[in-house]
Amino acid sequence: MLDELKKIVFDGNIELVRRNLVIYTWGNVSGIDKESGLFAIKPSGVDYDTMKFDDMVVLDLEGNKKEGKYKPSSDTATHIELYKAFPEIGAVVHTHSSYAASWAQARKDIKAFGTTHADYFYGDIPCARALTKEEIESDYEKNTGLVIIETLKERKINPMDIPGIILSSHGPFAWGKDVHNAVHNAVVLEEVAKMAYRTIQINPDITRVEQYLLDKHYFRKHGKNSYYGQN
């Protein structure tokens, strides 16, 4: 079971490279096995070019390492907080993809300007508040997870309706029902961030897409009466 989980998580991490979302060691993917409560995550600082599936680190939700020769990703505590807060999440992705990170550094939400965005994110992608000096110095990665949770709850966002967020001065996190879905959402998040940037360069006065058009595109793919794709 754990070998299969590690292979899936390894493939997700490599997919970030294939999709040009990460360079060097700038990112991580984790995936959780709901039955055992164990999750696998990329090891800290290990290069994608040399990494193997067996290098993935397996932990429980208290952060205790169960398998692995390496230290887990430095972002592990953030992943743990998301899994604990939202049981529907099956995988978490963190990158420093350039357009999403640029919005994060600007500390601006990525507004829903069109139907491509609406196909995946049911509203603006929020930018979480900046962490305080105390939050950074006390338990930075855990508090990063907590500020994501705080933002989603304050804005009354269902994490599966808007499966991603950007963190002030940092970068994006995305998630999904499984590793494939979470990586897919991370790729789309970067693309809609790029589109949003270009949109406001062309028309700085543009406003977000009409709610009825956003509803149509989101629910035709995700609603109970969805009809996009093959049944």
Protein backbone atom coordinates (compact mmCIF):
# COMPACT_ATOMS: atom_id res chain seq x y z
CA MET A 1 0.00 0.00 0.00
CA LEU A 2 2.73 2.47 0.96
CA ASP A 3 4.77 1.69 -2.16
CA GLU A 4 1.76 2.46 -4.33
CA LEU A 5 1.17 5.73 -2.45
CA LYS A 6 4.82 6.71 -2.84
CA LYS A 7 4.75 5.97 -6.57
CA ILE A 8 1.63 8.10 -7.07
CA VAL A 9 3.13 10.99 -5.11
CA PHE A 10 6.46 10.66 -6.92
CA ASP A 11 4.67 10.80 -10.28
CA GLY A 12 2.80 13.91 -9.13
CA ASN A 13 6.04 15.63 -8.23
CA ILE A 14 7.59 14.75 -11.58
CA GLU A 15 4.48 16.05 -13.36
CA LEU A 16 5.20 19.49 -11.87
CA VAL A 17 8.52 19.43 -13.73
CA ARG A 18 6.88 18.28 -16.96
CA ARG A 19 4.38 21.12 -16.72
CA ASN A 20 7.10 23.72 -16.04
CA LEU A 21 5.67 24.61 -12.65
CA VAL A 22 8.91 24.03 -10.75
CA ILE A 23 12.63 24.42 -11.26
CA TYR A 24 15.44 23.01 -9.12
CA THR A 25 13.72 21.93 -5.88
CA TRP A 26 11.00 24.59 -5.78
CA GLY A 27 7.89 22.64 -4.95
CA ASN A 28 6.29 19.60 -3.42
CA VAL A 29 3.35 17.25 -3.75
CA SER A 30 1.82 15.08 -1.04
CA GLY A 31 -0.97 12.54 -1.10
CA ILE A 32 -2.83 10.88 1.76
CA ASP A 33 -4.21 7.38 2.25
CA LYS A 34 -7.47 8.01 4.07
CA GLU A 35 -7.77 4.51 5.57
CA SER A 36 -4.39 4.49 7.29
CA GLY A 37 -4.17 8.23 7.90
CA LEU A 38 -0.65 8.21 6.43
CA PHE A 39 0.57 10.52 3.72
CA ALA A 40 3.61 10.63 1.45
CA ILE A 41 5.49 13.78 0.51
CA LYS A 42 8.56 14.85 -1.42
CA PRO A 43 11.80 14.86 0.59
CA SER A 44 13.32 18.23 1.42
CA GLY A 45 15.85 19.65 -1.04
CA VAL A 46 16.20 16.54 -3.19
CA ASP A 47 16.63 17.37 -6.87
CA TYR A 48 13.92 16.18 -9.25
CA ASP A 49 16.56 14.90 -11.68
CA THR A 50 17.89 12.34 -9.21
CA MET A 51 14.81 11.66 -7.08
CA LYS A 52 13.26 8.17 -7.07
CA PHE A 53 9.85 6.99 -5.91
CA ASP A 54 11.36 5.30 -2.86
CA ASP A 55 12.73 8.66 -1.71
CA MET A 56 9.22 9.81 -0.80
CA VAL A 57 8.74 10.21 2.95
CA VAL A 58 5.71 8.71 4.70
CA LEU A 59 4.32 10.33 7.85
CA ASP A 60 1.24 10.33 10.04
CA LEU A 61 -0.85 13.43 10.72
CA GLU A 62 1.10 14.15 13.89
CA GLY A 63 4.24 14.53 11.78
CA ASN A 64 5.84 11.26 12.89
CA LYS A 65 7.95 9.71 10.13
CA LYS A 66 6.94 6.14 9.30
CA GLU A 67 9.10 5.50 6.25
CA GLY A 68 11.89 7.25 4.41
CA LYS A 69 15.62 7.88 4.56
CA TYR A 70 15.32 11.64 4.04
CA LYS A 71 13.78 14.53 5.91
CA PRO A 72 10.33 15.41 4.54
CA SER A 73 9.62 18.67 2.73
CA SER A 74 10.04 21.76 4.85
CA ASP A 75 6.38 22.53 4.01
CA THR A 76 5.14 19.29 5.61
CA ALA A 77 3.44 21.03 8.52
CA THR A 78 1.38 23.12 6.09
CA HIS A 79 0.18 19.98 4.32
CA ILE A 80 -0.70 18.38 7.67
CA GLU A 81 -2.90 21.31 8.73
CA LEU A 82 -4.82 21.17 5.44
CA TYR A 83 -5.42 17.41 5.74
CA LYS A 84 -6.59 17.79 9.33
CA ALA A 85 -8.93 20.70 8.58
CA PHE A 86 -10.46 19.37 5.37
CA PRO A 87 -10.91 15.58 5.20
CA GLU A 88 -12.17 15.89 1.61
CA ILE A 89 -8.67 16.89 0.47
CA GLY A 90 -6.70 13.90 -0.82
CA ALA A 91 -3.55 15.66 -2.04
CA VAL A 92 -1.77 18.99 -1.70
CA VAL A 93 0.58 20.78 -4.12
CA HIS A 94 2.88 23.72 -3.48
CA THR A 95 4.87 25.51 -6.17
CA HIS A 96 6.49 28.85 -6.83
CA SER A 97 5.09 29.03 -10.37
CA SER A 98 5.91 32.46 -11.68
CA TYR A 99 2.56 34.09 -12.48
CA ALA A 100 0.77 32.79 -9.38
CA ALA A 101 3.76 33.78 -7.24
CA SER A 102 3.70 37.24 -8.82
CA TRP A 103 0.09 37.72 -7.73
CA ALA A 104 1.08 36.47 -4.28
CA GLN A 105 3.94 38.95 -4.09
CA ALA A 106 1.54 41.72 -5.14
CA ARG A 107 -0.84 40.47 -2.39
CA LYS A 108 -3.83 40.50 -4.73
CA ASP A 109 -6.60 37.97 -5.29
CA ILE A 110 -6.68 36.39 -8.74
CA LYS A 111 -10.07 37.57 -9.94
CA ALA A 112 -12.39 35.40 -12.01
CA PHE A 113 -12.31 37.27 -15.32
CA GLY A 114 -13.57 34.56 -17.63
CA THR A 115 -14.84 31.09 -18.34
CA THR A 116 -11.47 29.31 -18.23
CA HIS A 117 -11.14 30.37 -14.62
CA ALA A 118 -14.80 29.49 -13.95
CA ASP A 119 -14.34 25.95 -15.28
CA TYR A 120 -12.16 25.13 -12.27
CA PHE A 121 -12.50 27.82 -9.60
CA TYR A 122 -15.93 28.94 -8.42
CA GLY A 123 -14.90 32.52 -7.73
CA ASP A 124 -11.79 34.57 -7.13
CA ILE A 125 -8.68 32.72 -5.98
CA PRO A 126 -7.97 34.37 -2.62
CA CYS A 127 -4.70 35.80 -1.44
CA ALA A 128 -4.24 34.94 2.23
CA ARG A 129 -3.10 37.64 4.61
CA ALA A 130 0.55 38.10 5.46
CA LEU A 131 1.76 36.17 8.48
CA THR A 132 2.79 38.24 11.48
CA LYS A 133 6.39 38.36 12.70
CA GLU A 134 5.38 36.19 15.66
CA GLU A 135 3.67 33.62 13.41
CA ILE A 136 6.76 33.40 11.20
CA GLU A 137 9.21 33.09 14.07
CA SER A 138 7.20 30.65 16.19
CA ASP A 139 6.01 27.90 13.83
CA TYR A 140 6.16 29.21 10.28
CA GLU A 141 5.01 26.21 8.25
CA LYS A 142 2.21 25.24 10.61
CA ASN A 143 1.00 28.85 10.73
CA THR A 144 1.09 28.96 6.93
CA GLY A 145 -1.43 26.13 6.95
CA LEU A 146 -3.51 27.85 9.61
CA VAL A 147 -3.68 31.11 7.66
CA ILE A 148 -4.88 29.20 4.59
CA ILE A 149 -7.61 27.62 6.71
CA GLU A 150 -8.47 30.97 8.27
CA THR A 151 -8.84 32.60 4.84
CA LEU A 152 -11.09 29.87 3.46
CA LYS A 153 -13.32 29.89 6.55
CA GLU A 154 -13.55 33.69 6.79
CA ARG A 155 -14.56 33.92 3.13
CA LYS A 156 -16.92 30.93 3.47
CA ILE A 157 -15.11 29.06 0.70
CA ASN A 158 -15.63 25.36 0.16
CA PRO A 159 -12.06 24.15 -0.53
CA MET A 160 -13.27 21.83 -3.28
CA ASP A 161 -15.05 24.69 -5.08
CA ILE A 162 -11.92 26.87 -5.09
CA PRO A 163 -9.10 24.30 -4.89
CA GLY A 164 -6.23 26.72 -4.54
CA ILE A 165 -4.95 29.82 -2.81
CA ILE A 166 -2.00 32.18 -2.94
CA LEU A 167 -0.08 33.30 0.11
CA SER A 168 1.05 36.90 0.54
CA SER A 169 4.67 37.33 -0.58
CA HIS A 170 5.02 33.57 -1.04
CA GLY A 171 3.24 31.53 -3.69
CA PRO A 172 0.40 29.13 -4.50
CA PHE A 173 -0.97 26.03 -2.83
CA ALA A 174 -3.49 23.82 -4.62
CA TRP A 175 -5.28 20.65 -3.64
CA GLY A 176 -7.73 18.07 -4.92
CA LYS A 177 -9.45 14.76 -4.31
CA ASP A 178 -6.27 12.88 -5.29
CA VAL A 179 -2.76 13.59 -6.54
CA HIS A 180 -3.70 13.76 -10.21
CA ASN A 181 -6.54 16.19 -9.48
CA ALA A 182 -4.40 18.38 -7.21
CA VAL A 183 -1.59 18.66 -9.76
CA HIS A 184 -4.14 19.42 -12.47
CA ASN A 185 -5.55 22.24 -10.32
CA ALA A 186 -2.05 23.63 -9.71
CA VAL A 187 -1.40 23.73 -13.46
CA VAL A 188 -4.72 25.48 -14.11
CA LEU A 189 -4.10 27.95 -11.27
CA GLU A 190 -0.87 29.05 -12.95
CA GLU A 191 -2.58 29.41 -16.33
CA VAL A 192 -5.47 31.50 -15.00
CA ALA A 193 -2.97 33.65 -13.07
CA LYS A 194 -1.18 34.30 -16.37
CA MET A 195 -4.46 35.07 -18.14
CA ALA A 196 -5.56 37.43 -15.37
CA TYR A 197 -2.29 39.34 -15.58
CA ARG A 198 -2.60 39.73 -19.33
CA THR A 199 -6.26 40.69 -19.03
CA ILE A 200 -5.59 43.68 -16.80
CA GLN A 201 -2.69 44.75 -19.02
CA ILE A 202 -5.07 44.89 -21.98
CA ASN A 203 -7.97 46.43 -20.04
CA PRO A 204 -7.13 47.80 -16.58
CA ASP A 205 -10.81 48.65 -16.04
CA ILE A 206 -12.13 45.14 -16.56
CA THR A 207 -14.41 43.73 -13.87
CA ARG A 208 -14.91 40.11 -12.90
CA VAL A 209 -17.02 37.81 -15.03
CA GLU A 210 -20.79 37.95 -14.56
CA GLN A 211 -21.97 35.59 -11.83
CA TYR A 212 -24.46 33.84 -14.11
CA LEU A 213 -21.71 33.01 -16.63
CA LEU A 214 -19.40 31.81 -13.86
CA ASP A 215 -22.27 29.65 -12.53
CA LYS A 216 -22.91 28.15 -15.94
CA HIS A 217 -19.31 27.15 -16.58
CA TYR A 218 -18.56 25.88 -13.10
CA PHE A 219 -21.70 23.83 -12.64
CA ARG A 220 -21.74 22.31 -16.11
CA LYS A 221 -18.50 20.58 -15.05
CA HIS A 222 -18.97 20.20 -11.30
CA GLY A 223 -22.66 20.43 -10.43
CA LYS A 224 -24.99 17.53 -9.69
CA ASN A 225 -26.47 18.02 -13.17
CA SER A 226 -23.09 18.46 -14.88
CA TYR A 227 -22.98 17.47 -18.52
CA TYR A 228 -19.41 18.25 -19.61
CA GLY A 229 -17.42 15.22 -20.81
CA GLN A 230 -18.45 11.60 -21.23
CA ASN A 231 -20.71 9.99 -18.64
